[in-house]
PDB file of N, CA and C in Angstrom:
ATOM      1  N   UNK A   1     126.810 103.177  98.781  1.00  0.00           N
ATOM      2  CA  UNK A   1     127.002 104.552  99.194  1.00  0.00           C
ATOM      3  C   UNK A   1     127.714 105.311  98.083  1.00  0.00           C
ATOM      4  N   UNK A   2     127.335 106.532  97.932  1.00  0.00           N
ATOM      5  CA  UNK A   2     127.967 107.382  96.926  1.00  0.00           C
ATOM      6  C   UNK A   2     129.099 108.147  97.592  1.00  0.00           C
ATOM      7  N   UNK A   3     130.311 107.670  97.376  1.00  0.00           N
ATOM      8  CA  UNK A   3     131.489 108.272  97.997  1.00  0.00           C
ATOM      9  C   UNK A   3     132.302 109.011  96.943  1.00  0.00           C
ATOM     10  N   UNK A   4     133.346 109.644  97.370  1.00  0.00           N
ATOM     11  CA  UNK A   4     134.258 110.310  96.429  1.00  0.00           C
ATOM     12  C   UNK A   4     134.880 109.294  95.476  1.00  0.00           C
ATOM     13  N   UNK A   5     135.155 108.086  95.985  1.00  0.00           N
ATOM     14  CA  UNK A   5     135.704 107.028  95.124  1.00  0.00           C
ATOM     15  C   UNK A   5     134.686 106.617  94.059  1.00  0.00           C
ATOM     16  N   UNK A   6     133.414 106.545  94.459  1.00  0.00           N
ATOM     17  CA  UNK A   6     132.361 106.218  93.510  1.00  0.00           C
ATOM     18  C   UNK A   6     132.261 107.292  92.442  1.00  0.00           C
ATOM     19  N   UNK A   7     132.312 108.536  92.883  1.00  0.00           N
ATOM     20  CA  UNK A   7     132.238 109.660  91.947  1.00  0.00           C
ATOM     21  C   UNK A   7     133.415 109.617  90.971  1.00  0.00           C
ATOM     22  N   UNK A   8     134.613 109.348  91.473  1.00  0.00           N
ATOM     23  CA  UNK A   8     135.797 109.284  90.616  1.00  0.00           C
ATOM     24  C   UNK A   8     135.669 108.143  89.608  1.00  0.00           C
ATOM     25  N   UNK A   9     135.162 107.000  90.056  1.00  0.00           N
ATOM     26  CA  UNK A   9     134.982 105.857  89.152  1.00  0.00           C
ATOM     27  C   UNK A   9     133.949 106.183  88.082  1.00  0.00           C
ATOM     28  N   UNK A  10     132.886 106.880  88.467  1.00  0.00           N
ATOM     29  CA  UNK A  10     131.866 107.302  87.506  1.00  0.00           C
ATOM     30  C   UNK A  10     132.468 108.226  86.453  1.00  0.00           C
ATOM     31  N   UNK A  11     133.199 109.229  86.907  1.00  0.00           N
ATOM     32  CA  UNK A  11     133.798 110.196  85.980  1.00  0.00           C
ATOM     33  C   UNK A  11     134.773 109.510  85.025  1.00  0.00           C
ATOM     34  N   UNK A  12     135.556 108.563  85.540  1.00  0.00           N
ATOM     35  CA  UNK A  12     136.510 107.837  84.704  1.00  0.00           C
ATOM     36  C   UNK A  12     135.778 107.010  83.655  1.00  0.00           C
ATOM     37  N   UNK A  13     134.753 106.272  84.083  1.00  0.00           N
ATOM     38  CA  UNK A  13     133.979 105.450  83.154  1.00  0.00           C
ATOM     39  C   UNK A  13     133.292 106.319  82.100  1.00  0.00           C
ATOM     40  N   UNK A  14     132.767 107.454  82.531  1.00  0.00           N
ATOM     41  CA  UNK A  14     132.092 108.371  81.608  1.00  0.00           C
ATOM     42  C   UNK A  14     133.074 108.899  80.560  1.00  0.00           C
ATOM     43  N   UNK A  15     134.264 109.274  81.012  1.00  0.00           N
ATOM     44  CA  UNK A  15     135.262 109.817  80.078  1.00  0.00           C
ATOM     45  C   UNK A  15     135.776 108.756  79.111  1.00  0.00           C
ATOM     46  N   UNK A  16     135.681 107.480  79.511  1.00  0.00           N
ATOM     47  CA  UNK A  16     136.120 106.384  78.644  1.00  0.00           C
ATOM     48  C   UNK A  16     134.976 105.854  77.770  1.00  0.00           C
ATOM     49  N   UNK A  17     133.794 106.492  77.880  1.00  0.00           N
ATOM     50  CA  UNK A  17     132.659 106.077  77.065  1.00  0.00           C
ATOM     51  C   UNK A  17     131.998 104.787  77.525  1.00  0.00           C
ATOM     52  N   UNK A  18     132.234 104.398  78.762  1.00  0.00           N
ATOM     53  CA  UNK A  18     131.640 103.170  79.290  1.00  0.00           C
ATOM     54  C   UNK A  18     130.233 103.442  79.822  1.00  0.00           C
ATOM     55  N   UNK A  19     129.490 102.367  80.028  1.00  0.00           N
ATOM     56  CA  UNK A  19     128.143 102.480  80.600  1.00  0.00           C
ATOM     57  C   UNK A  19     128.280 102.939  82.057  1.00  0.00           C
ATOM     58  N   UNK A  20     127.476 103.924  82.436  1.00  0.00           N
ATOM     59  CA  UNK A  20     127.625 104.493  83.781  1.00  0.00           C
ATOM     60  C   UNK A  20     126.406 104.277  84.681  1.00  0.00           C
ATOM     61  N   UNK A  21     125.452 103.459  84.289  1.00  0.00           N
ATOM     62  CA  UNK A  21     124.293 103.238  85.143  1.00  0.00           C
ATOM     63  C   UNK A  21     124.681 102.343  86.316  1.00  0.00           C
ATOM     64  N   UNK A  22     123.909 102.424  87.378  1.00  0.00           N
ATOM     65  CA  UNK A  22     124.156 101.548  88.518  1.00  0.00           C
ATOM     66  C   UNK A  22     122.837 101.190  89.175  1.00  0.00           C
ATOM     67  N   UNK A  23     122.827 100.095  89.872  1.00  0.00           N
ATOM     68  CA  UNK A  23     121.637  99.614  90.555  1.00  0.00           C
ATOM     69  C   UNK A  23     121.768  99.930  92.029  1.00  0.00           C
ATOM     70  N   UNK A  24     120.699 100.477  92.590  1.00  0.00           N
ATOM     71  CA  UNK A  24     120.689 100.758  94.020  1.00  0.00           C
ATOM     72  C   UNK A  24     119.591  99.943  94.682  1.00  0.00           C
ATOM     73  N   UNK A  25     119.794  99.628  95.919  1.00  0.00           N
ATOM     74  CA  UNK A  25     118.802  98.878  96.677  1.00  0.00           C
ATOM     75  C   UNK A  25     118.703  99.479  98.068  1.00  0.00           C
ATOM     76  N   UNK A  26     117.512  99.416  98.625  1.00  0.00           N
ATOM     77  CA  UNK A  26     117.312  99.936  99.969  1.00  0.00           C
ATOM     78  C   UNK A  26     117.719  98.884 100.984  1.00  0.00           C
ATOM     79  N   UNK A  27     118.387  99.314 102.024  1.00  0.00           N
ATOM     80  CA  UNK A  27     118.764  98.417 103.097  1.00  0.00           C
ATOM     81  C   UNK A  27     118.071  98.884 104.366  1.00  0.00           C
ATOM     82  N   UNK A  28     117.355  97.977 105.006  1.00  0.00           N
ATOM     83  CA  UNK A  28     116.696  98.284 106.259  1.00  0.00           C
ATOM     84  C   UNK A  28     117.488  97.650 107.389  1.00  0.00           C
ATOM     85  N   UNK A  29     117.672  98.394 108.426  1.00  0.00           N
ATOM     86  CA  UNK A  29     118.446  97.899 109.559  1.00  0.00           C
ATOM     87  C   UNK A  29     117.900  98.510 110.830  1.00  0.00           C
ATOM     88  N   UNK A  30     117.817  97.702 111.838  1.00  0.00           N
ATOM     89  CA  UNK A  30     117.431  98.215 113.142  1.00  0.00           C
ATOM     90  C   UNK A  30     118.074  97.350 114.211  1.00  0.00           C
ATOM     91  N   UNK A  31     118.595  97.974 115.208  1.00  0.00           N
ATOM     92  CA  UNK A  31     119.222  97.237 116.294  1.00  0.00           C
ATOM     93  C   UNK A  31     118.319  97.176 117.521  1.00  0.00           C
ATOM     94  N   UNK A  32     117.519  98.213 117.701  1.00  0.00           N
ATOM     95  CA  UNK A  32     116.634  98.261 118.861  1.00  0.00           C
ATOM     96  C   UNK A  32     115.204  98.394 118.363  1.00  0.00           C
ATOM     97  N   UNK A  33     114.458  97.300 118.415  1.00  0.00           N
ATOM     98  CA  UNK A  33     113.128  97.261 117.834  1.00  0.00           C
ATOM     99  C   UNK A  33     112.085  98.050 118.602  1.00  0.00           C
ATOM    100  N   UNK A  34     112.345  98.360 119.863  1.00  0.00           N
ATOM    101  CA  UNK A  34     111.318  98.977 120.697  1.00  0.00           C
ATOM    102  C   UNK A  34     111.536 100.469 120.961  1.00  0.00           C
ATOM    103  N   UNK A  35     112.320 101.134 120.134  1.00  0.00           N
ATOM    104  CA  UNK A  35     112.564 102.560 120.313  1.00  0.00           C
ATOM    105  C   UNK A  35     111.344 103.338 119.818  1.00  0.00           C
ATOM    106  N   UNK A  36     110.880 104.277 120.608  1.00  0.00           N
ATOM    107  CA  UNK A  36     109.734 105.103 120.258  1.00  0.00           C
ATOM    108  C   UNK A  36     110.155 106.129 119.207  1.00  0.00           C
ATOM    109  N   UNK A  37     109.440 106.143 118.093  1.00  0.00           N
ATOM    110  CA  UNK A  37     109.755 107.080 117.007  1.00  0.00           C
ATOM    111  C   UNK A  37     108.684 108.149 116.860  1.00  0.00           C
ATOM    112  N   UNK A  38     108.017 108.468 117.944  1.00  0.00           N
ATOM    113  CA  UNK A  38     107.020 109.539 117.934  1.00  0.00           C
ATOM    114  C   UNK A  38     107.722 110.863 117.635  1.00  0.00           C
ATOM    115  N   UNK A  39     106.966 111.827 117.090  1.00  0.00           N
ATOM    116  CA  UNK A  39     107.576 113.137 116.857  1.00  0.00           C
ATOM    117  C   UNK A  39     108.207 113.695 118.138  1.00  0.00           C
ATOM    118  N   UNK A  40     109.406 114.181 118.007  1.00  0.00           N
ATOM    119  CA  UNK A  40     110.146 114.661 119.182  1.00  0.00           C
ATOM    120  C   UNK A  40     109.659 116.040 119.616  1.00  0.00           C
ATOM    121  N   UNK A  41     109.324 116.197 120.890  1.00  0.00           N
ATOM    122  CA  UNK A  41     108.886 117.497 121.391  1.00  0.00           C
ATOM    123  C   UNK A  41     109.914 118.601 121.138  1.00  0.00           C
ATOM    124  N   UNK A  42     111.188 118.249 121.139  1.00  0.00           N
ATOM    125  CA  UNK A  42     112.241 119.231 120.909  1.00  0.00           C
ATOM    126  C   UNK A  42     112.168 119.837 119.499  1.00  0.00           C
ATOM    127  N   UNK A  43     111.489 119.133 118.604  1.00  0.00           N
ATOM    128  CA  UNK A  43     111.364 119.609 117.225  1.00  0.00           C
ATOM    129  C   UNK A  43     109.947 120.058 116.899  1.00  0.00           C
ATOM    130  N   UNK A  44     109.163 120.352 117.930  1.00  0.00           N
ATOM    131  CA  UNK A  44     107.754 120.716 117.748  1.00  0.00           C
ATOM    132  C   UNK A  44     107.568 121.948 116.865  1.00  0.00           C
ATOM    133  N   UNK A  45     108.586 122.761 116.758  1.00  0.00           N
ATOM    134  CA  UNK A  45     108.481 123.939 115.891  1.00  0.00           C
ATOM    135  C   UNK A  45     108.460 123.564 114.403  1.00  0.00           C
ATOM    136  N   UNK A  46     108.749 122.302 114.098  1.00  0.00           N
ATOM    137  CA  UNK A  46     108.776 121.851 112.708  1.00  0.00           C
ATOM    138  C   UNK A  46     107.485 121.166 112.262  1.00  0.00           C
ATOM    139  N   UNK A  47     106.567 120.914 113.184  1.00  0.00           N
ATOM    140  CA  UNK A  47     105.318 120.247 112.839  1.00  0.00           C
ATOM    141  C   UNK A  47     104.179 120.776 113.700  1.00  0.00           C
ATOM    142  N   UNK A  48     102.952 120.569 113.201  1.00  0.00           N
ATOM    143  CA  UNK A  48     101.776 121.011 113.954  1.00  0.00           C
ATOM    144  C   UNK A  48     101.281 119.868 114.843  1.00  0.00           C
ATOM    145  N   UNK A  49     100.420 120.189 115.777  1.00  0.00           N
ATOM    146  CA  UNK A  49      99.843 119.154 116.646  1.00  0.00           C
ATOM    147  C   UNK A  49      99.037 118.156 115.827  1.00  0.00           C
ATOM    148  N   UNK A  50      98.366 118.644 114.779  1.00  0.00           N
ATOM    149  CA  UNK A  50      97.576 117.772 113.917  1.00  0.00           C
ATOM    150  C   UNK A  50      98.469 116.773 113.182  1.00  0.00           C
ATOM    151  N   UNK A  51      99.606 117.265 112.694  1.00  0.00           N
ATOM    152  CA  UNK A  51     100.541 116.374 112.005  1.00  0.00           C
ATOM    153  C   UNK A  51     101.080 115.319 112.970  1.00  0.00           C
ATOM    154  N   UNK A  52     101.400 115.722 114.179  1.00  0.00           N
ATOM    155  CA  UNK A  52     101.916 114.781 115.170  1.00  0.00           C
ATOM    156  C   UNK A  52     100.865 113.727 115.494  1.00  0.00           C
ATOM    157  N   UNK A  53      99.591 114.150 115.594  1.00  0.00           N
ATOM    158  CA  UNK A  53      98.514 113.211 115.904  1.00  0.00           C
ATOM    159  C   UNK A  53      98.323 112.201 114.772  1.00  0.00           C
ATOM    160  N   UNK A  54      98.499 112.636 113.531  1.00  0.00           N
ATOM    161  CA  UNK A  54      98.369 111.731 112.388  1.00  0.00           C
ATOM    162  C   UNK A  54      99.488 110.696 112.369  1.00  0.00           C
ATOM    163  N   UNK A  55     100.640 111.085 112.829  1.00  0.00           N
ATOM    164  CA  UNK A  55     101.803 110.188 112.817  1.00  0.00           C
ATOM    165  C   UNK A  55     101.600 109.047 113.802  1.00  0.00           C
ATOM    166  N   UNK A  56     101.101 109.368 114.987  1.00  0.00           N
ATOM    167  CA  UNK A  56     100.869 108.340 115.997  1.00  0.00           C
ATOM    168  C   UNK A  56     102.138 107.917 116.710  1.00  0.00           C
ATOM    169  N   UNK A  57     101.995 106.914 117.526  1.00  0.00           N
ATOM    170  CA  UNK A  57     103.134 106.367 118.273  1.00  0.00           C
ATOM    171  C   UNK A  57     103.609 105.102 117.582  1.00  0.00           C
ATOM    172  N   UNK A  58     104.755 105.193 116.958  1.00  0.00           N
ATOM    173  CA  UNK A  58     105.327 104.053 116.259  1.00  0.00           C
ATOM    174  C   UNK A  58     106.683 103.705 116.837  1.00  0.00           C
ATOM    175  N   UNK A  59     106.952 102.411 116.875  1.00  0.00           N
ATOM    176  CA  UNK A  59     108.280 101.957 117.286  1.00  0.00           C
ATOM    177  C   UNK A  59     109.117 101.751 116.029  1.00  0.00           C
ATOM    178  N   UNK A  60     110.398 101.543 116.206  1.00  0.00           N
ATOM    179  CA  UNK A  60     111.255 101.269 115.052  1.00  0.00           C
ATOM    180  C   UNK A  60     110.792  99.997 114.344  1.00  0.00           C
ATOM    181  N   UNK A  61     110.300  99.030 115.102  1.00  0.00           N
ATOM    182  CA  UNK A  61     109.779  97.797 114.500  1.00  0.00           C
ATOM    183  C   UNK A  61     108.568  98.101 113.622  1.00  0.00           C
ATOM    184  N   UNK A  62     107.641  98.942 114.119  1.00  0.00           N
ATOM    185  CA  UNK A  62     106.451  99.313 113.342  1.00  0.00           C
ATOM    186  C   UNK A  62     106.850  99.960 112.019  1.00  0.00           C
ATOM    187  N   UNK A  63     107.803 100.870 112.064  1.00  0.00           N
ATOM    188  CA  UNK A  63     108.239 101.573 110.862  1.00  0.00           C
ATOM    189  C   UNK A  63     108.917 100.606 109.895  1.00  0.00           C
ATOM    190  N   UNK A  64     109.751  99.733 110.414  1.00  0.00           N
ATOM    191  CA  UNK A  64     110.407  98.732 109.574  1.00  0.00           C
ATOM    192  C   UNK A  64     109.377  97.864 108.876  1.00  0.00           C
ATOM    193  N   UNK A  65     108.380  97.371 109.608  1.00  0.00           N
ATOM    194  CA  UNK A  65     107.374  96.511 109.012  1.00  0.00           C
ATOM    195  C   UNK A  65     106.539  97.264 107.975  1.00  0.00           C
ATOM    196  N   UNK A  66     106.266  98.540 108.207  1.00  0.00           N
ATOM    197  CA  UNK A  66     105.533  99.356 107.240  1.00  0.00           C
ATOM    198  C   UNK A  66     106.330  99.466 105.943  1.00  0.00           C
ATOM    199  N   UNK A  67     107.629  99.719 106.058  1.00  0.00           N
ATOM    200  CA  UNK A  67     108.480  99.837 104.875  1.00  0.00           C
ATOM    201  C   UNK A  67     108.604  98.511 104.135  1.00  0.00           C
ATOM    202  N   UNK A  68     108.767  97.430 104.876  1.00  0.00           N
ATOM    203  CA  UNK A  68     108.869  96.116 104.238  1.00  0.00           C
ATOM    204  C   UNK A  68     107.562  95.750 103.548  1.00  0.00           C
ATOM    205  N   UNK A  69     106.436  96.089 104.164  1.00  0.00           N
ATOM    206  CA  UNK A  69     105.138  95.828 103.564  1.00  0.00           C
ATOM    207  C   UNK A  69     104.971  96.638 102.277  1.00  0.00           C
ATOM    208  N   UNK A  70     105.416  97.876 102.292  1.00  0.00           N
ATOM    209  CA  UNK A  70     105.286  98.747 101.121  1.00  0.00           C
ATOM    210  C   UNK A  70     106.098  98.228  99.938  1.00  0.00           C
ATOM    211  N   UNK A  71     107.127  97.456 100.210  1.00  0.00           N
ATOM    212  CA  UNK A  71     107.963  96.907  99.144  1.00  0.00           C
ATOM    213  C   UNK A  71     107.700  95.415  98.921  1.00  0.00           C
ATOM    214  N   UNK A  72     106.554  94.959  99.437  1.00  0.00           N
ATOM    215  CA  UNK A  72     106.134  93.550  99.286  1.00  0.00           C
ATOM    216  C   UNK A  72     107.172  92.564  99.816  1.00  0.00           C
ATOM    217  N   UNK A  73     107.790  92.917 100.923  1.00  0.00           N
ATOM    218  CA  UNK A  73     108.802  92.042 101.508  1.00  0.00           C
ATOM    219  C   UNK A  73     108.320  91.413 102.811  1.00  0.00           C
ATOM    220  N   UNK A  74     107.004  91.464 103.062  1.00  0.00           N
ATOM    221  CA  UNK A  74     106.429  90.887 104.274  1.00  0.00           C
ATOM    222  C   UNK A  74     105.401  89.854 103.865  1.00  0.00           C
ATOM    223  N   UNK A  75     105.447  88.705 104.506  1.00  0.00           N
ATOM    224  CA  UNK A  75     104.430  87.688 104.289  1.00  0.00           C
ATOM    225  C   UNK A  75     103.358  87.917 105.337  1.00  0.00           C
ATOM    226  N   UNK A  76     102.112  88.131 104.877  1.00  0.00           N
ATOM    227  CA  UNK A  76     101.005  88.356 105.795  1.00  0.00           C
ATOM    228  C   UNK A  76     100.411  87.025 106.217  1.00  0.00           C
ATOM    229  N   UNK A  77     100.170  86.885 107.489  1.00  0.00           N
ATOM    230  CA  UNK A  77      99.561  85.674 108.017  1.00  0.00           C
ATOM    231  C   UNK A  77      98.076  85.666 107.682  1.00  0.00           C
ATOM    232  N   UNK A  78      97.598  84.541 107.189  1.00  0.00           N
ATOM    233  CA  UNK A  78      96.181  84.417 106.861  1.00  0.00           C
ATOM    234  C   UNK A  78      95.430  83.683 107.952  1.00  0.00           C
ATOM    235  N   UNK A  79      96.138  83.194 108.957  1.00  0.00           N
ATOM    236  CA  UNK A  79      95.496  82.460 110.037  1.00  0.00           C
ATOM    237  C   UNK A  79      95.282  80.992 109.689  1.00  0.00           C
ATOM    238  N   UNK A  80      95.594  80.614 108.452  1.00  0.00           N
ATOM    239  CA  UNK A  80      95.439  79.220 108.048  1.00  0.00           C
ATOM    240  C   UNK A  80      96.729  78.473 108.306  1.00  0.00           C
ATOM    241  N   UNK A  81      96.593  77.183 108.566  1.00  0.00           N
ATOM    242  CA  UNK A  81      97.807  76.408 108.769  1.00  0.00           C
ATOM    243  C   UNK A  81      98.481  76.132 107.442  1.00  0.00           C
ATOM    244  N   UNK A  82      99.792  76.044 107.498  1.00  0.00           N
ATOM    245  CA  UNK A  82     100.549  75.812 106.267  1.00  0.00           C
ATOM    246  C   UNK A  82     100.338  74.386 105.779  1.00  0.00           C
ATOM    247  N   UNK A  83     100.406  74.166 104.466  1.00  0.00           N
ATOM    248  CA  UNK A  83     100.206  72.826 103.919  1.00  0.00           C
ATOM    249  C   UNK A  83     101.315  71.887 104.381  1.00  0.00           C
ATOM    250  N   UNK A  84     100.938  70.627 104.511  1.00  0.00           N
ATOM    251  CA  UNK A  84     101.911  69.625 104.961  1.00  0.00           C
ATOM    252  C   UNK A  84     102.354  68.765 103.825  1.00  0.00           C
TER     253      UNK A  84
END
């Protein structure tokens, strides 16, 4: 997380001529896998019916698996038995 302490450490390192690059990583977390993440009717003024239809009905689990797949962090089942 980029906090005020992080910012202060960056500024200090920069002023001392130190290397200031950092590595970031995405963290996925979900506590309730079956929560519906469909577009919220209360926010319908922010999207069209067509956009909502394209989004579909996804659960938090569906979204998590989509993100993990996009980052090659999911093993796809081939239906074959594993070697012994």
